[in-house]
PDB file of N, CA and C in Angstrom:
ATOM      1  N   MET A   1    -126.621 182.995  73.435  1.00  0.00           N
ATOM      2  CA  MET A   1    -126.162 181.648  73.647  1.00  0.00           C
ATOM      3  C   MET A   1    -125.789 181.460  75.096  1.00  0.00           C
ATOM      4  N   LEU A   2    -125.980 180.269  75.520  1.00  0.00           N
ATOM      5  CA  LEU A   2    -125.679 179.939  76.900  1.00  0.00           C
ATOM      6  C   LEU A   2    -124.184 179.948  77.105  1.00  0.00           C
ATOM      7  N   GLY A   3    -123.738 180.756  78.027  1.00  0.00           N
ATOM      8  CA  GLY A   3    -122.314 180.843  78.326  1.00  0.00           C
ATOM      9  C   GLY A   3    -122.130 181.351  79.739  1.00  0.00           C
ATOM     10  N   GLY A   4    -120.902 181.534  80.124  1.00  0.00           N
ATOM     11  CA  GLY A   4    -120.611 182.041  81.460  1.00  0.00           C
ATOM     12  C   GLY A   4    -120.851 183.532  81.550  1.00  0.00           C
ATOM     13  N   ARG A   5    -120.504 184.104  82.667  1.00  0.00           N
ATOM     14  CA  ARG A   5    -120.714 185.542  82.882  1.00  0.00           C
ATOM     15  C   ARG A   5    -119.977 186.401  81.863  1.00  0.00           C
ATOM     16  N   THR A   6    -118.922 185.885  81.314  1.00  0.00           N
ATOM     17  CA  THR A   6    -118.147 186.661  80.358  1.00  0.00           C
ATOM     18  C   THR A   6    -118.686 186.538  78.943  1.00  0.00           C
ATOM     19  N   GLY A   7    -119.763 185.808  78.743  1.00  0.00           N
ATOM     20  CA  GLY A   7    -120.356 185.687  77.417  1.00  0.00           C
ATOM     21  C   GLY A   7    -120.292 184.254  76.925  1.00  0.00           C
ATOM     22  N   PRO A   8    -120.586 184.060  75.650  1.00  0.00           N
ATOM     23  CA  PRO A   8    -120.607 182.707  75.102  1.00  0.00           C
ATOM     24  C   PRO A   8    -119.278 181.995  75.270  1.00  0.00           C
ATOM     25  N   VAL A   9    -119.358 180.723  75.478  1.00  0.00           N
ATOM     26  CA  VAL A   9    -118.175 179.894  75.632  1.00  0.00           C
ATOM     27  C   VAL A   9    -117.922 179.206  74.298  1.00  0.00           C
ATOM     28  N   SER A  10    -116.777 179.420  73.722  1.00  0.00           N
ATOM     29  CA  SER A  10    -116.484 178.846  72.424  1.00  0.00           C
ATOM     30  C   SER A  10    -115.247 177.961  72.502  1.00  0.00           C
ATOM     31  N   GLY A  11    -115.328 176.777  71.931  1.00  0.00           N
ATOM     32  CA  GLY A  11    -114.175 175.917  71.823  1.00  0.00           C
ATOM     33  C   GLY A  11    -113.898 175.040  73.027  1.00  0.00           C
ATOM     34  N   ARG A  12    -114.514 175.294  74.170  1.00  0.00           N
ATOM     35  CA  ARG A  12    -114.298 174.449  75.331  1.00  0.00           C
ATOM     36  C   ARG A  12    -115.162 173.207  75.188  1.00  0.00           C
ATOM     37  N   LEU A  13    -114.700 172.113  75.736  1.00  0.00           N
ATOM     38  CA  LEU A  13    -115.426 170.866  75.538  1.00  0.00           C
ATOM     39  C   LEU A  13    -116.771 170.822  76.249  1.00  0.00           C
ATOM     40  N   ARG A  14    -116.831 171.203  77.520  1.00  0.00           N
ATOM     41  CA  ARG A  14    -118.084 171.133  78.281  1.00  0.00           C
ATOM     42  C   ARG A  14    -118.225 172.371  79.152  1.00  0.00           C
ATOM     43  N   LEU A  15    -119.456 172.740  79.447  1.00  0.00           N
ATOM     44  CA  LEU A  15    -119.715 173.798  80.412  1.00  0.00           C
ATOM     45  C   LEU A  15    -119.618 173.203  81.808  1.00  0.00           C
ATOM     46  N   ALA A  16    -119.106 173.972  82.738  1.00  0.00           N
ATOM     47  CA  ALA A  16    -119.021 173.516  84.130  1.00  0.00           C
ATOM     48  C   ALA A  16    -120.431 173.486  84.721  1.00  0.00           C
ATOM     49  N   GLY A  17    -120.641 172.622  85.698  1.00  0.00           N
ATOM     50  CA  GLY A  17    -121.956 172.511  86.332  1.00  0.00           C
ATOM     51  C   GLY A  17    -122.476 173.824  86.864  1.00  0.00           C
ATOM     52  N   GLY A  18    -121.597 174.627  87.437  1.00  0.00           N
ATOM     53  CA  GLY A  18    -122.015 175.929  87.960  1.00  0.00           C
ATOM     54  C   GLY A  18    -122.473 176.872  86.867  1.00  0.00           C
ATOM     55  N   GLU A  19    -121.863 176.765  85.701  1.00  0.00           N
ATOM     56  CA  GLU A  19    -122.275 177.603  84.577  1.00  0.00           C
ATOM     57  C   GLU A  19    -123.683 177.242  84.122  1.00  0.00           C
ATOM     58  N   LEU A  20    -124.009 175.970  84.160  1.00  0.00           N
ATOM     59  CA  LEU A  20    -125.362 175.547  83.804  1.00  0.00           C
ATOM     60  C   LEU A  20    -126.354 175.949  84.883  1.00  0.00           C
ATOM     61  N   THR A  21    -125.997 175.736  86.128  1.00  0.00           N
ATOM     62  CA  THR A  21    -126.888 176.023  87.249  1.00  0.00           C
ATOM     63  C   THR A  21    -127.243 177.505  87.331  1.00  0.00           C
ATOM     64  N   GLU A  22    -126.298 178.379  87.032  1.00  0.00           N
ATOM     65  CA  GLU A  22    -126.594 179.812  87.137  1.00  0.00           C
ATOM     66  C   GLU A  22    -127.632 180.274  86.120  1.00  0.00           C
ATOM     67  N   TRP A  23    -127.872 179.484  85.089  1.00  0.00           N
ATOM     68  CA  TRP A  23    -128.890 179.817  84.089  1.00  0.00           C
ATOM     69  C   TRP A  23    -130.280 179.319  84.478  1.00  0.00           C
ATOM     70  N   LEU A  24    -130.398 178.443  85.462  1.00  0.00           N
ATOM     71  CA  LEU A  24    -131.691 177.846  85.817  1.00  0.00           C
ATOM     72  C   LEU A  24    -132.796 178.871  86.096  1.00  0.00           C
ATOM     73  N   PRO A  25    -132.573 179.889  86.939  1.00  0.00           N
ATOM     74  CA  PRO A  25    -133.668 180.839  87.201  1.00  0.00           C
ATOM     75  C   PRO A  25    -134.150 181.540  85.935  1.00  0.00           C
ATOM     76  N   ARG A  26    -133.238 181.958  85.089  1.00  0.00           N
ATOM     77  CA  ARG A  26    -133.630 182.649  83.849  1.00  0.00           C
ATOM     78  C   ARG A  26    -134.372 181.722  82.901  1.00  0.00           C
ATOM     79  N   LEU A  27    -133.849 180.512  82.722  1.00  0.00           N
ATOM     80  CA  LEU A  27    -134.493 179.573  81.815  1.00  0.00           C
ATOM     81  C   LEU A  27    -135.851 179.127  82.337  1.00  0.00           C
ATOM     82  N   THR A  28    -135.958 178.923  83.640  1.00  0.00           N
ATOM     83  CA  THR A  28    -137.239 178.543  84.237  1.00  0.00           C
ATOM     84  C   THR A  28    -138.266 179.638  84.018  1.00  0.00           C
ATOM     85  N   ASP A  29    -137.880 180.878  84.247  1.00  0.00           N
ATOM     86  CA  ASP A  29    -138.791 182.010  84.041  1.00  0.00           C
ATOM     87  C   ASP A  29    -139.220 182.109  82.580  1.00  0.00           C
ATOM     88  N   MET A  30    -138.263 181.996  81.669  1.00  0.00           N
ATOM     89  CA  MET A  30    -138.602 182.075  80.243  1.00  0.00           C
ATOM     90  C   MET A  30    -139.509 180.933  79.818  1.00  0.00           C
ATOM     91  N   SER A  31    -139.257 179.730  80.338  1.00  0.00           N
ATOM     92  CA  SER A  31    -140.059 178.574  79.930  1.00  0.00           C
ATOM     93  C   SER A  31    -141.495 178.688  80.419  1.00  0.00           C
ATOM     94  N   ARG A  32    -141.712 179.360  81.522  1.00  0.00           N
ATOM     95  CA  ARG A  32    -143.077 179.561  82.026  1.00  0.00           C
ATOM     96  C   ARG A  32    -143.863 180.519  81.143  1.00  0.00           C
ATOM     97  N   ARG A  33    -143.150 181.430  80.496  1.00  0.00           N
ATOM     98  CA  ARG A  33    -143.810 182.441  79.668  1.00  0.00           C
ATOM     99  C   ARG A  33    -143.858 182.079  78.187  1.00  0.00           C
ATOM    100  N   ALA A  34    -143.216 180.996  77.800  1.00  0.00           N
ATOM    101  CA  ALA A  34    -143.140 180.628  76.386  1.00  0.00           C
ATOM    102  C   ALA A  34    -143.794 179.280  76.140  1.00  0.00           C
ATOM    103  N   GLU A  35    -144.307 179.123  74.950  1.00  0.00           N
ATOM    104  CA  GLU A  35    -144.868 177.829  74.564  1.00  0.00           C
ATOM    105  C   GLU A  35    -143.758 176.810  74.354  1.00  0.00           C
ATOM    106  N   GLN A  36    -142.638 177.293  73.825  1.00  0.00           N
ATOM    107  CA  GLN A  36    -141.479 176.427  73.573  1.00  0.00           C
ATOM    108  C   GLN A  36    -140.222 177.251  73.812  1.00  0.00           C
ATOM    109  N   LEU A  37    -139.241 176.662  74.448  1.00  0.00           N
ATOM    110  CA  LEU A  37    -137.980 177.347  74.738  1.00  0.00           C
ATOM    111  C   LEU A  37    -136.842 176.573  74.096  1.00  0.00           C
ATOM    112  N   ARG A  38    -136.041 177.280  73.322  1.00  0.00           N
ATOM    113  CA  ARG A  38    -134.863 176.665  72.694  1.00  0.00           C
ATOM    114  C   ARG A  38    -133.630 177.374  73.215  1.00  0.00           C
ATOM    115  N   VAL A  39    -132.648 176.585  73.607  1.00  0.00           N
ATOM    116  CA  VAL A  39    -131.412 177.132  74.164  1.00  0.00           C
ATOM    117  C   VAL A  39    -130.244 176.621  73.328  1.00  0.00           C
ATOM    118  N   PRO A  40    -129.619 177.502  72.536  1.00  0.00           N
ATOM    119  CA  PRO A  40    -128.465 177.059  71.747  1.00  0.00           C
ATOM    120  C   PRO A  40    -127.212 176.958  72.614  1.00  0.00           C
ATOM    121  N   PHE A  41    -126.411 175.969  72.343  1.00  0.00           N
ATOM    122  CA  PHE A  41    -125.145 175.787  73.042  1.00  0.00           C
ATOM    123  C   PHE A  41    -124.009 175.974  72.050  1.00  0.00           C
ATOM    124  N   ASN A  42    -122.999 176.711  72.436  1.00  0.00           N
ATOM    125  CA  ASN A  42    -121.847 176.967  71.582  1.00  0.00           C
ATOM    126  C   ASN A  42    -120.647 176.140  72.045  1.00  0.00           C
ATOM    127  N   THR A  43    -120.912 174.942  72.476  1.00  0.00           N
ATOM    128  CA  THR A  43    -119.857 173.993  72.858  1.00  0.00           C
ATOM    129  C   THR A  43    -119.865 172.901  71.805  1.00  0.00           C
ATOM    130  N   CYS A  44    -119.239 173.186  70.679  1.00  0.00           N
ATOM    131  CA  CYS A  44    -119.435 172.380  69.482  1.00  0.00           C
ATOM    132  C   CYS A  44    -118.441 171.226  69.315  1.00  0.00           C
ATOM    133  N   CYS A  45    -117.528 171.051  70.211  1.00  0.00           N
ATOM    134  CA  CYS A  45    -116.554 169.963  70.070  1.00  0.00           C
ATOM    135  C   CYS A  45    -117.210 168.628  70.418  1.00  0.00           C
ATOM    136  N   ASP A  46    -117.001 167.654  69.538  1.00  0.00           N
ATOM    137  CA  ASP A  46    -117.552 166.310  69.734  1.00  0.00           C
ATOM    138  C   ASP A  46    -119.049 166.393  70.022  1.00  0.00           C
ATOM    139  N   ASP A  47    -119.494 165.771  71.105  1.00  0.00           N
ATOM    140  CA  ASP A  47    -120.916 165.792  71.459  1.00  0.00           C
ATOM    141  C   ASP A  47    -121.176 166.681  72.675  1.00  0.00           C
ATOM    142  N   ALA A  48    -120.292 167.651  72.923  1.00  0.00           N
ATOM    143  CA  ALA A  48    -120.402 168.486  74.129  1.00  0.00           C
ATOM    144  C   ALA A  48    -121.720 169.248  74.186  1.00  0.00           C
ATOM    145  N   ALA A  49    -122.185 169.805  73.068  1.00  0.00           N
ATOM    146  CA  ALA A  49    -123.445 170.560  73.073  1.00  0.00           C
ATOM    147  C   ALA A  49    -124.613 169.652  73.443  1.00  0.00           C
ATOM    148  N   VAL A  50    -124.625 168.454  72.913  1.00  0.00           N
ATOM    149  CA  VAL A  50    -125.701 167.505  73.223  1.00  0.00           C
ATOM    150  C   VAL A  50    -125.654 167.124  74.696  1.00  0.00           C
ATOM    151  N   ARG A  51    -124.481 166.830  75.203  1.00  0.00           N
ATOM    152  CA  ARG A  51    -124.347 166.444  76.622  1.00  0.00           C
ATOM    153  C   ARG A  51    -124.706 167.606  77.547  1.00  0.00           C
ATOM    154  N   ASP A  52    -124.305 168.831  77.184  1.00  0.00           N
ATOM    155  CA  ASP A  52    -124.676 169.995  77.999  1.00  0.00           C
ATOM    156  C   ASP A  52    -126.192 170.217  77.954  1.00  0.00           C
ATOM    157  N   ALA A  53    -126.802 170.029  76.780  1.00  0.00           N
ATOM    158  CA  ALA A  53    -128.257 170.165  76.666  1.00  0.00           C
ATOM    159  C   ALA A  53    -128.972 169.123  77.530  1.00  0.00           C
ATOM    160  N   GLU A  54    -128.469 167.908  77.528  1.00  0.00           N
ATOM    161  CA  GLU A  54    -129.061 166.868  78.378  1.00  0.00           C
ATOM    162  C   GLU A  54    -128.915 167.228  79.851  1.00  0.00           C
ATOM    163  N   SER A  55    -127.776 167.805  80.222  1.00  0.00           N
ATOM    164  CA  SER A  55    -127.550 168.203  81.618  1.00  0.00           C
ATOM    165  C   SER A  55    -128.517 169.298  82.032  1.00  0.00           C
ATOM    166  N   ILE A  56    -128.697 170.329  81.188  1.00  0.00           N
ATOM    167  CA  ILE A  56    -129.596 171.416  81.560  1.00  0.00           C
ATOM    168  C   ILE A  56    -131.041 170.921  81.586  1.00  0.00           C
ATOM    169  N   GLU A  57    -131.375 169.973  80.718  1.00  0.00           N
ATOM    170  CA  GLU A  57    -132.725 169.395  80.730  1.00  0.00           C
ATOM    171  C   GLU A  57    -132.991 168.694  82.069  1.00  0.00           C
ATOM    172  N   ARG A  58    -132.013 167.919  82.553  1.00  0.00           N
ATOM    173  CA  ARG A  58    -132.157 167.257  83.850  1.00  0.00           C
ATOM    174  C   ARG A  58    -132.275 168.282  84.976  1.00  0.00           C
ATOM    175  N   LEU A  59    -131.453 169.319  84.929  1.00  0.00           N
ATOM    176  CA  LEU A  59    -131.497 170.361  85.968  1.00  0.00           C
ATOM    177  C   LEU A  59    -132.853 171.067  85.966  1.00  0.00           C
ATOM    178  N   LEU A  60    -133.368 171.388  84.785  1.00  0.00           N
ATOM    179  CA  LEU A  60    -134.673 172.045  84.702  1.00  0.00           C
ATOM    180  C   LEU A  60    -135.797 171.137  85.197  1.00  0.00           C
ATOM    181  N   ALA A  61    -135.709 169.845  84.892  1.00  0.00           N
ATOM    182  CA  ALA A  61    -136.730 168.907  85.366  1.00  0.00           C
ATOM    183  C   ALA A  61    -136.721 168.828  86.893  1.00  0.00           C
ATOM    184  N   GLY A  62    -135.552 168.899  87.487  1.00  0.00           N
ATOM    185  CA  GLY A  62    -135.438 168.862  88.945  1.00  0.00           C
ATOM    186  C   GLY A  62    -135.871 170.147  89.612  1.00  0.00           C
ATOM    187  N   ALA A  63    -135.835 171.250  88.867  1.00  0.00           N
ATOM    188  CA  ALA A  63    -136.184 172.564  89.431  1.00  0.00           C
ATOM    189  C   ALA A  63    -137.681 172.807  89.409  1.00  0.00           C
ATOM    190  N   SER A  64    -138.422 172.016  88.634  1.00  0.00           N
ATOM    191  CA  SER A  64    -139.875 172.281  88.527  1.00  0.00           C
ATOM    192  C   SER A  64    -140.672 171.539  89.558  1.00  0.00           C
TER     193      SER A  64
END
């Protein structure tokens, strides 16, 4: 699961921008080698997982 350097983030409302950005190289590499890439988010409060997923999607679109 996508989390900070210390592992999955549980119970926090949103991931910090830097936490998302540090995953970009790994996710970009995996997406190039896979037909489909799914990234689970463990930020389950309210709509935090959806908002974090939208943020990483925007970051990945800008990185390509």
